[in-house]
Amino acid sequence: MVVTTLVVPWLIGGALIALLKLSYFSLQEGLHLVAMGLLVAPMAAACLNELFSNTVRRPQPTYVAWGLVGLALVLALAWRALLSPPVLF
């Protein structure tokens, strides 16, 4: 799971960025991609040794965090109310 959610997207994304910027790919952009790899690789390596059965005692049902849903709705309504007449900056 760690490899498919961390390492593969980093590899595919980095390759895609490199291919799209192939004509003007600079050393700095290459170092940015390598730096992202230095963040992803140790985390992925550390997680490979953990088994899911050892981290969770028993499967737990999925539930909706209704408090967060309500908070998101209140914030969206407040945002809409405050910006209903367009505010020019």
PDB file of N, CA and C in Angstrom:
ATOM      1  N   MET A   1       0.822  -1.182   0.000  1.00  0.00           N
ATOM      2  CA  MET A   1       0.000   0.000   0.000  1.00  0.00           C
ATOM      3  C   MET A   1       0.877   1.261   0.000  1.00  0.00           C
ATOM      4  N   VAL A   2       1.936   1.248   0.765  1.00  0.00           N
ATOM      5  CA  VAL A   2       2.805   2.424   0.844  1.00  0.00           C
ATOM      6  C   VAL A   2       3.467   2.686  -0.504  1.00  0.00           C
ATOM      7  N   VAL A   3       3.902   1.639  -1.140  1.00  0.00           N
ATOM      8  CA  VAL A   3       4.555   1.812  -2.431  1.00  0.00           C
ATOM      9  C   VAL A   3       3.574   2.376  -3.452  1.00  0.00           C
ATOM     10  N   THR A   4       2.354   1.869  -3.472  1.00  0.00           N
ATOM     11  CA  THR A   4       1.388   2.329  -4.469  1.00  0.00           C
ATOM     12  C   THR A   4       0.820   3.704  -4.153  1.00  0.00           C
ATOM     13  N   THR A   5       0.852   4.144  -2.908  1.00  0.00           N
ATOM     14  CA  THR A   5       0.299   5.464  -2.581  1.00  0.00           C
ATOM     15  C   THR A   5       1.361   6.548  -2.426  1.00  0.00           C
ATOM     16  N   LEU A   6       2.609   6.185  -2.253  1.00  0.00           N
ATOM     17  CA  LEU A   6       3.669   7.181  -2.095  1.00  0.00           C
ATOM     18  C   LEU A   6       4.713   7.140  -3.209  1.00  0.00           C
ATOM     19  N   VAL A   7       5.307   6.003  -3.391  1.00  0.00           N
ATOM     20  CA  VAL A   7       6.456   5.900  -4.288  1.00  0.00           C
ATOM     21  C   VAL A   7       6.034   5.965  -5.754  1.00  0.00           C
ATOM     22  N   VAL A   8       5.017   5.206  -6.131  1.00  0.00           N
ATOM     23  CA  VAL A   8       4.599   5.181  -7.538  1.00  0.00           C
ATOM     24  C   VAL A   8       4.113   6.554  -8.008  1.00  0.00           C
ATOM     25  N   PRO A   9       3.246   7.270  -7.243  1.00  0.00           N
ATOM     26  CA  PRO A   9       2.870   8.612  -7.708  1.00  0.00           C
ATOM     27  C   PRO A   9       4.061   9.564  -7.809  1.00  0.00           C
ATOM     28  N   TRP A  10       5.023   9.454  -6.909  1.00  0.00           N
ATOM     29  CA  TRP A  10       6.210  10.304  -6.994  1.00  0.00           C
ATOM     30  C   TRP A  10       7.011   9.984  -8.255  1.00  0.00           C
ATOM     31  N   LEU A  11       7.195   8.715  -8.550  1.00  0.00           N
ATOM     32  CA  LEU A  11       7.941   8.331  -9.748  1.00  0.00           C
ATOM     33  C   LEU A  11       7.213   8.760 -11.020  1.00  0.00           C
ATOM     34  N   ILE A  12       5.921   8.482 -11.103  1.00  0.00           N
ATOM     35  CA  ILE A  12       5.156   8.830 -12.294  1.00  0.00           C
ATOM     36  C   ILE A  12       5.066  10.348 -12.443  1.00  0.00           C
ATOM     37  N   GLY A  13       4.792  11.054 -11.360  1.00  0.00           N
ATOM     38  CA  GLY A  13       4.699  12.506 -11.413  1.00  0.00           C
ATOM     39  C   GLY A  13       6.021  13.150 -11.775  1.00  0.00           C
ATOM     40  N   GLY A  14       7.101  12.667 -11.187  1.00  0.00           N
ATOM     41  CA  GLY A  14       8.419  13.200 -11.512  1.00  0.00           C
ATOM     42  C   GLY A  14       8.791  12.951 -12.962  1.00  0.00           C
ATOM     43  N   ALA A  15       8.488  11.759 -13.449  1.00  0.00           N
ATOM     44  CA  ALA A  15       8.775  11.460 -14.850  1.00  0.00           C
ATOM     45  C   ALA A  15       7.924  12.315 -15.778  1.00  0.00           C
ATOM     46  N   LEU A  16       6.663  12.513 -15.422  1.00  0.00           N
ATOM     47  CA  LEU A  16       5.782  13.337 -16.243  1.00  0.00           C
ATOM     48  C   LEU A  16       6.249  14.793 -16.265  1.00  0.00           C
ATOM     49  N   ILE A  17       6.630  15.319 -15.119  1.00  0.00           N
ATOM     50  CA  ILE A  17       7.146  16.692 -15.060  1.00  0.00           C
ATOM     51  C   ILE A  17       8.426  16.810 -15.885  1.00  0.00           C
ATOM     52  N   ALA A  18       9.306  15.829 -15.763  1.00  0.00           N
ATOM     53  CA  ALA A  18      10.558  15.870 -16.515  1.00  0.00           C
ATOM     54  C   ALA A  18      10.301  15.801 -18.018  1.00  0.00           C
ATOM     55  N   LEU A  19       9.343  14.969 -18.438  1.00  0.00           N
ATOM     56  CA  LEU A  19       9.036  14.867 -19.865  1.00  0.00           C
ATOM     57  C   LEU A  19       8.388  16.133 -20.400  1.00  0.00           C
ATOM     58  N   LEU A  20       7.496  16.734 -19.603  1.00  0.00           N
ATOM     59  CA  LEU A  20       6.830  17.951 -20.065  1.00  0.00           C
ATOM     60  C   LEU A  20       7.793  19.134 -20.155  1.00  0.00           C
ATOM     61  N   LYS A  21       8.808  19.141 -19.304  1.00  0.00           N
ATOM     62  CA  LYS A  21       9.770  20.244 -19.295  1.00  0.00           C
ATOM     63  C   LYS A  21      11.101  19.819 -19.893  1.00  0.00           C
ATOM     64  N   LEU A  22      11.079  18.846 -20.759  1.00  0.00           N
ATOM     65  CA  LEU A  22      12.318  18.275 -21.277  1.00  0.00           C
ATOM     66  C   LEU A  22      13.196  19.297 -21.983  1.00  0.00           C
ATOM     67  N   SER A  23      12.578  20.202 -22.718  1.00  0.00           N
ATOM     68  CA  SER A  23      13.389  21.164 -23.466  1.00  0.00           C
ATOM     69  C   SER A  23      14.056  22.207 -22.563  1.00  0.00           C
ATOM     70  N   TYR A  24      13.446  22.517 -21.428  1.00  0.00           N
ATOM     71  CA  TYR A  24      14.037  23.518 -20.535  1.00  0.00           C
ATOM     72  C   TYR A  24      14.104  23.021 -19.085  1.00  0.00           C
ATOM     73  N   PHE A  25      14.407  21.745 -18.921  1.00  0.00           N
ATOM     74  CA  PHE A  25      14.543  21.139 -17.594  1.00  0.00           C
ATOM     75  C   PHE A  25      15.887  21.553 -17.010  1.00  0.00           C
ATOM     76  N   SER A  26      15.855  22.269 -15.877  1.00  0.00           N
ATOM     77  CA  SER A  26      17.089  22.785 -15.291  1.00  0.00           C
ATOM     78  C   SER A  26      17.568  21.900 -14.141  1.00  0.00           C
ATOM     79  N   LEU A  27      18.755  22.165 -13.709  1.00  0.00           N
ATOM     80  CA  LEU A  27      19.329  21.429 -12.579  1.00  0.00           C
ATOM     81  C   LEU A  27      18.513  21.670 -11.316  1.00  0.00           C
ATOM     82  N   GLN A  28      18.029  22.882 -11.135  1.00  0.00           N
ATOM     83  CA  GLN A  28      17.238  23.202  -9.947  1.00  0.00           C
ATOM     84  C   GLN A  28      15.946  22.387  -9.902  1.00  0.00           C
ATOM     85  N   GLU A  29      15.282  22.229 -11.036  1.00  0.00           N
ATOM     86  CA  GLU A  29      14.061  21.434 -11.070  1.00  0.00           C
ATOM     87  C   GLU A  29      14.362  19.964 -10.802  1.00  0.00           C
ATOM     88  N   GLY A  30      15.480  19.489 -11.315  1.00  0.00           N
ATOM     89  CA  GLY A  30      15.890  18.116 -11.028  1.00  0.00           C
ATOM     90  C   GLY A  30      16.173  17.909  -9.552  1.00  0.00           C
ATOM     91  N   LEU A  31      16.802  18.901  -8.938  1.00  0.00           N
ATOM     92  CA  LEU A  31      17.077  18.804  -7.495  1.00  0.00           C
ATOM     93  C   LEU A  31      15.787  18.869  -6.676  1.00  0.00           C
ATOM     94  N   HIS A  32      14.784  19.602  -7.156  1.00  0.00           N
ATOM     95  CA  HIS A  32      13.486  19.612  -6.469  1.00  0.00           C
ATOM     96  C   HIS A  32      12.862  18.224  -6.487  1.00  0.00           C
ATOM     97  N   LEU A  33      12.919  17.567  -7.630  1.00  0.00           N
ATOM     98  CA  LEU A  33      12.365  16.212  -7.725  1.00  0.00           C
ATOM     99  C   LEU A  33      13.126  15.239  -6.825  1.00  0.00           C
ATOM    100  N   VAL A  34      14.442  15.386  -6.777  1.00  0.00           N
ATOM    101  CA  VAL A  34      15.247  14.525  -5.905  1.00  0.00           C
ATOM    102  C   VAL A  34      14.927  14.817  -4.439  1.00  0.00           C
ATOM    103  N   ALA A  35      14.725  16.085  -4.087  1.00  0.00           N
ATOM    104  CA  ALA A  35      14.393  16.439  -2.703  1.00  0.00           C
ATOM    105  C   ALA A  35      13.050  15.835  -2.303  1.00  0.00           C
ATOM    106  N   MET A  36      12.086  15.838  -3.215  1.00  0.00           N
ATOM    107  CA  MET A  36      10.810  15.188  -2.906  1.00  0.00           C
ATOM    108  C   MET A  36      11.010  13.697  -2.685  1.00  0.00           C
ATOM    109  N   GLY A  37      11.905  13.103  -3.454  1.00  0.00           N
ATOM    110  CA  GLY A  37      12.213  11.693  -3.261  1.00  0.00           C
ATOM    111  C   GLY A  37      12.875  11.432  -1.926  1.00  0.00           C
ATOM    112  N   LEU A  38      13.716  12.374  -1.483  1.00  0.00           N
ATOM    113  CA  LEU A  38      14.346  12.217  -0.173  1.00  0.00           C
ATOM    114  C   LEU A  38      13.344  12.323   0.964  1.00  0.00           C
ATOM    115  N   LEU A  39      12.211  12.957   0.707  1.00  0.00           N
ATOM    116  CA  LEU A  39      11.152  12.995   1.715  1.00  0.00           C
ATOM    117  C   LEU A  39      10.294  11.733   1.669  1.00  0.00           C
ATOM    118  N   VAL A  40      10.064  11.215   0.476  1.00  0.00           N
ATOM    119  CA  VAL A  40       9.159  10.081   0.299  1.00  0.00           C
ATOM    120  C   VAL A  40       9.840   8.750   0.613  1.00  0.00           C
ATOM    121  N   ALA A  41      11.055   8.566   0.152  1.00  0.00           N
ATOM    122  CA  ALA A  41      11.720   7.269   0.258  1.00  0.00           C
ATOM    123  C   ALA A  41      11.923   6.788   1.703  1.00  0.00           C
ATOM    124  N   PRO A  42      12.431   7.604   2.629  1.00  0.00           N
ATOM    125  CA  PRO A  42      12.586   7.092   3.997  1.00  0.00           C
ATOM    126  C   PRO A  42      11.253   6.750   4.658  1.00  0.00           C
ATOM    127  N   MET A  43      10.225   7.550   4.362  1.00  0.00           N
ATOM    128  CA  MET A  43       8.913   7.256   4.939  1.00  0.00           C
ATOM    129  C   MET A  43       8.377   5.938   4.404  1.00  0.00           C
ATOM    130  N   ALA A  44       8.525   5.712   3.123  1.00  0.00           N
ATOM    131  CA  ALA A  44       8.065   4.464   2.528  1.00  0.00           C
ATOM    132  C   ALA A  44       8.870   3.286   3.063  1.00  0.00           C
ATOM    133  N   ALA A  45      10.180   3.450   3.204  1.00  0.00           N
ATOM    134  CA  ALA A  45      11.015   2.363   3.720  1.00  0.00           C
ATOM    135  C   ALA A  45      10.665   2.027   5.162  1.00  0.00           C
ATOM    136  N   ALA A  46      10.357   3.039   5.960  1.00  0.00           N
ATOM    137  CA  ALA A  46      10.011   2.783   7.359  1.00  0.00           C
ATOM    138  C   ALA A  46       8.660   2.098   7.483  1.00  0.00           C
ATOM    139  N   CYS A  47       7.756   2.395   6.581  1.00  0.00           N
ATOM    140  CA  CYS A  47       6.411   1.815   6.656  1.00  0.00           C
ATOM    141  C   CYS A  47       6.347   0.402   6.109  1.00  0.00           C
ATOM    142  N   LEU A  48       7.328  -0.010   5.336  1.00  0.00           N
ATOM    143  CA  LEU A  48       7.284  -1.350   4.753  1.00  0.00           C
ATOM    144  C   LEU A  48       7.366  -2.444   5.815  1.00  0.00           C
ATOM    145  N   ASN A  49       7.994  -2.161   6.934  1.00  0.00           N
ATOM    146  CA  ASN A  49       8.155  -3.169   7.978  1.00  0.00           C
ATOM    147  C   ASN A  49       6.941  -3.300   8.879  1.00  0.00           C
ATOM    148  N   GLU A  50       6.009  -2.336   8.822  1.00  0.00           N
ATOM    149  CA  GLU A  50       4.827  -2.393   9.675  1.00  0.00           C
ATOM    150  C   GLU A  50       3.715  -3.174   8.985  1.00  0.00           C
ATOM    151  N   LEU A  51       3.188  -4.137   9.676  1.00  0.00           N
ATOM    152  CA  LEU A  51       2.058  -4.889   9.150  1.00  0.00           C
ATOM    153  C   LEU A  51       0.768  -4.258   9.648  1.00  0.00           C
ATOM    154  N   PHE A  52      -0.246  -4.245   8.808  1.00  0.00           N
ATOM    155  CA  PHE A  52      -1.517  -3.650   9.183  1.00  0.00           C
ATOM    156  C   PHE A  52      -2.131  -4.386  10.366  1.00  0.00           C
ATOM    157  N   SER A  53      -1.941  -5.691  10.430  1.00  0.00           N
ATOM    158  CA  SER A  53      -2.523  -6.470  11.528  1.00  0.00           C
ATOM    159  C   SER A  53      -1.887  -6.118  12.869  1.00  0.00           C
ATOM    160  N   ASN A  54      -0.660  -5.594  12.864  1.00  0.00           N
ATOM    161  CA  ASN A  54      -0.010  -5.207  14.112  1.00  0.00           C
ATOM    162  C   ASN A  54      -0.385  -3.797  14.558  1.00  0.00           C
ATOM    163  N   THR A  55      -0.845  -2.960  13.651  1.00  0.00           N
ATOM    164  CA  THR A  55      -1.163  -1.589  14.017  1.00  0.00           C
ATOM    165  C   THR A  55      -2.613  -1.405  14.428  1.00  0.00           C
ATOM    166  N   VAL A  56      -3.504  -2.275  13.974  1.00  0.00           N
ATOM    167  CA  VAL A  56      -4.925  -2.165  14.300  1.00  0.00           C
ATOM    168  C   VAL A  56      -5.349  -3.464  14.964  1.00  0.00           C
ATOM    169  N   ARG A  57      -5.949  -3.368  16.136  1.00  0.00           N
ATOM    170  CA  ARG A  57      -6.337  -4.583  16.865  1.00  0.00           C
ATOM    171  C   ARG A  57      -7.454  -5.328  16.162  1.00  0.00           C
ATOM    172  N   ARG A  58      -8.468  -4.608  15.736  1.00  0.00           N
ATOM    173  CA  ARG A  58      -9.578  -5.241  15.018  1.00  0.00           C
ATOM    174  C   ARG A  58     -10.156  -4.217  14.045  1.00  0.00           C
ATOM    175  N   PRO A  59     -10.753  -4.673  12.996  1.00  0.00           N
ATOM    176  CA  PRO A  59     -11.328  -3.742  12.037  1.00  0.00           C
ATOM    177  C   PRO A  59     -12.407  -2.880  12.684  1.00  0.00           C
ATOM    178  N   GLN A  60     -12.416  -1.613  12.344  1.00  0.00           N
ATOM    179  CA  GLN A  60     -13.403  -0.699  12.885  1.00  0.00           C
ATOM    180  C   GLN A  60     -14.277  -0.187  11.749  1.00  0.00           C
ATOM    181  N   PRO A  61     -15.558   0.002  12.015  1.00  0.00           N
ATOM    182  CA  PRO A  61     -16.440   0.467  10.943  1.00  0.00           C
ATOM    183  C   PRO A  61     -16.130   1.914  10.567  1.00  0.00           C
ATOM    184  N   THR A  62     -16.401   2.223   9.326  1.00  0.00           N
ATOM    185  CA  THR A  62     -16.239   3.583   8.846  1.00  0.00           C
ATOM    186  C   THR A  62     -17.431   4.412   9.308  1.00  0.00           C
ATOM    187  N   TYR A  63     -17.180   5.620   9.740  1.00  0.00           N
ATOM    188  CA  TYR A  63     -18.261   6.485  10.170  1.00  0.00           C
ATOM    189  C   TYR A  63     -18.045   7.892   9.631  1.00  0.00           C
ATOM    190  N   VAL A  64     -19.105   8.641   9.568  1.00  0.00           N
ATOM    191  CA  VAL A  64     -19.029  10.020   9.080  1.00  0.00           C
ATOM    192  C   VAL A  64     -18.805  10.931  10.276  1.00  0.00           C
ATOM    193  N   ALA A  65     -17.838  11.806  10.171  1.00  0.00           N
ATOM    194  CA  ALA A  65     -17.563  12.779  11.229  1.00  0.00           C
ATOM    195  C   ALA A  65     -18.526  13.952  11.022  1.00  0.00           C
ATOM    196  N   TRP A  66     -19.718  13.827  11.561  1.00  0.00           N
ATOM    197  CA  TRP A  66     -20.766  14.822  11.324  1.00  0.00           C
ATOM    198  C   TRP A  66     -20.391  16.189  11.865  1.00  0.00           C
ATOM    199  N   GLY A  67     -19.589  16.248  12.903  1.00  0.00           N
ATOM    200  CA  GLY A  67     -19.142  17.539  13.423  1.00  0.00           C
ATOM    201  C   GLY A  67     -18.325  18.302  12.392  1.00  0.00           C
ATOM    202  N   LEU A  68     -17.431  17.580  11.695  1.00  0.00           N
ATOM    203  CA  LEU A  68     -16.626  18.227  10.664  1.00  0.00           C
ATOM    204  C   LEU A  68     -17.464  18.601   9.447  1.00  0.00           C
ATOM    205  N   VAL A  69     -18.450  17.780   9.117  1.00  0.00           N
ATOM    206  CA  VAL A  69     -19.347  18.116   8.012  1.00  0.00           C
ATOM    207  C   VAL A  69     -20.119  19.387   8.343  1.00  0.00           C
ATOM    208  N   GLY A  70     -20.631  19.464   9.577  1.00  0.00           N
ATOM    209  CA  GLY A  70     -21.355  20.661  10.012  1.00  0.00           C
ATOM    210  C   GLY A  70     -20.463  21.889  10.014  1.00  0.00           C
ATOM    211  N   LEU A  71     -19.241  21.747  10.490  1.00  0.00           N
ATOM    212  CA  LEU A  71     -18.300  22.862  10.502  1.00  0.00           C
ATOM    213  C   LEU A  71     -17.992  23.342   9.084  1.00  0.00           C
ATOM    214  N   ALA A  72     -17.823  22.409   8.158  1.00  0.00           N
ATOM    215  CA  ALA A  72     -17.570  22.781   6.769  1.00  0.00           C
ATOM    216  C   ALA A  72     -18.759  23.521   6.180  1.00  0.00           C
ATOM    217  N   LEU A  73     -19.972  23.079   6.495  1.00  0.00           N
ATOM    218  CA  LEU A  73     -21.164  23.765   5.999  1.00  0.00           C
ATOM    219  C   LEU A  73     -21.286  25.169   6.581  1.00  0.00           C
ATOM    220  N   VAL A  74     -21.033  25.310   7.880  1.00  0.00           N
ATOM    221  CA  VAL A  74     -21.103  26.629   8.516  1.00  0.00           C
ATOM    222  C   VAL A  74     -20.069  27.568   7.911  1.00  0.00           C
ATOM    223  N   LEU A  75     -18.852  27.075   7.700  1.00  0.00           N
ATOM    224  CA  LEU A  75     -17.811  27.900   7.101  1.00  0.00           C
ATOM    225  C   LEU A  75     -18.148  28.272   5.657  1.00  0.00           C
ATOM    226  N   ALA A  76     -18.733  27.342   4.900  1.00  0.00           N
ATOM    227  CA  ALA A  76     -19.119  27.642   3.519  1.00  0.00           C
ATOM    228  C   ALA A  76     -20.230  28.684   3.488  1.00  0.00           C
ATOM    229  N   LEU A  77     -21.198  28.568   4.385  1.00  0.00           N
ATOM    230  CA  LEU A  77     -22.291  29.549   4.437  1.00  0.00           C
ATOM    231  C   LEU A  77     -21.773  30.917   4.885  1.00  0.00           C
ATOM    232  N   ALA A  78     -20.872  30.931   5.858  1.00  0.00           N
ATOM    233  CA  ALA A  78     -20.301  32.204   6.308  1.00  0.00           C
ATOM    234  C   ALA A  78     -19.485  32.849   5.192  1.00  0.00           C
ATOM    235  N   TRP A  79     -18.719  32.046   4.478  1.00  0.00           N
ATOM    236  CA  TRP A  79     -17.935  32.551   3.348  1.00  0.00           C
ATOM    237  C   TRP A  79     -18.854  33.161   2.299  1.00  0.00           C
ATOM    238  N   ARG A  80     -19.939  32.447   2.007  1.00  0.00           N
ATOM    239  CA  ARG A  80     -20.897  32.934   1.005  1.00  0.00           C
ATOM    240  C   ARG A  80     -21.583  34.214   1.482  1.00  0.00           C
ATOM    241  N   ALA A  81     -21.959  34.268   2.766  1.00  0.00           N
ATOM    242  CA  ALA A  81     -22.648  35.446   3.300  1.00  0.00           C
ATOM    243  C   ALA A  81     -21.724  36.665   3.317  1.00  0.00           C
ATOM    244  N   LEU A  82     -20.473  36.458   3.671  1.00  0.00           N
ATOM    245  CA  LEU A  82     -19.545  37.581   3.721  1.00  0.00           C
ATOM    246  C   LEU A  82     -19.153  38.088   2.341  1.00  0.00           C
ATOM    247  N   LEU A  83     -19.148  37.211   1.356  1.00  0.00           N
ATOM    248  CA  LEU A  83     -18.719  37.595   0.022  1.00  0.00           C
ATOM    249  C   LEU A  83     -19.875  37.636  -0.980  1.00  0.00           C
ATOM    250  N   SER A  84     -21.142  37.661  -0.478  1.00  0.00           N
ATOM    251  CA  SER A  84     -22.278  37.666  -1.410  1.00  0.00           C
ATOM    252  C   SER A  84     -22.298  38.909  -2.279  1.00  0.00           C
ATOM    253  N   PRO A  85     -22.116  40.115  -1.736  1.00  0.00           N
ATOM    254  CA  PRO A  85     -21.807  41.172  -2.701  1.00  0.00           C
ATOM    255  C   PRO A  85     -20.313  41.085  -2.973  1.00  0.00           C
ATOM    256  N   PRO A  86     -19.914  40.998  -4.217  1.00  0.00           N
ATOM    257  CA  PRO A  86     -18.488  40.830  -4.492  1.00  0.00           C
ATOM    258  C   PRO A  86     -17.642  41.922  -3.854  1.00  0.00           C
ATOM    259  N   VAL A  87     -16.563  41.503  -3.239  1.00  0.00           N
ATOM    260  CA  VAL A  87     -15.645  42.420  -2.587  1.00  0.00           C
ATOM    261  C   VAL A  87     -14.480  42.644  -3.519  1.00  0.00           C
ATOM    262  N   LEU A  88     -14.235  43.891  -3.871  1.00  0.00           N
ATOM    263  CA  LEU A  88     -13.115  44.202  -4.757  1.00  0.00           C
ATOM    264  C   LEU A  88     -11.868  44.451  -3.937  1.00  0.00           C
ATOM    265  N   PHE A  89     -10.776  43.908  -4.382  1.00  0.00           N
ATOM    266  CA  PHE A  89      -9.507  44.108  -3.704  1.00  0.00           C
ATOM    267  C   PHE A  89      -8.651  45.039  -4.522  1.00  0.00           C
TER     268      PHE A  89
END
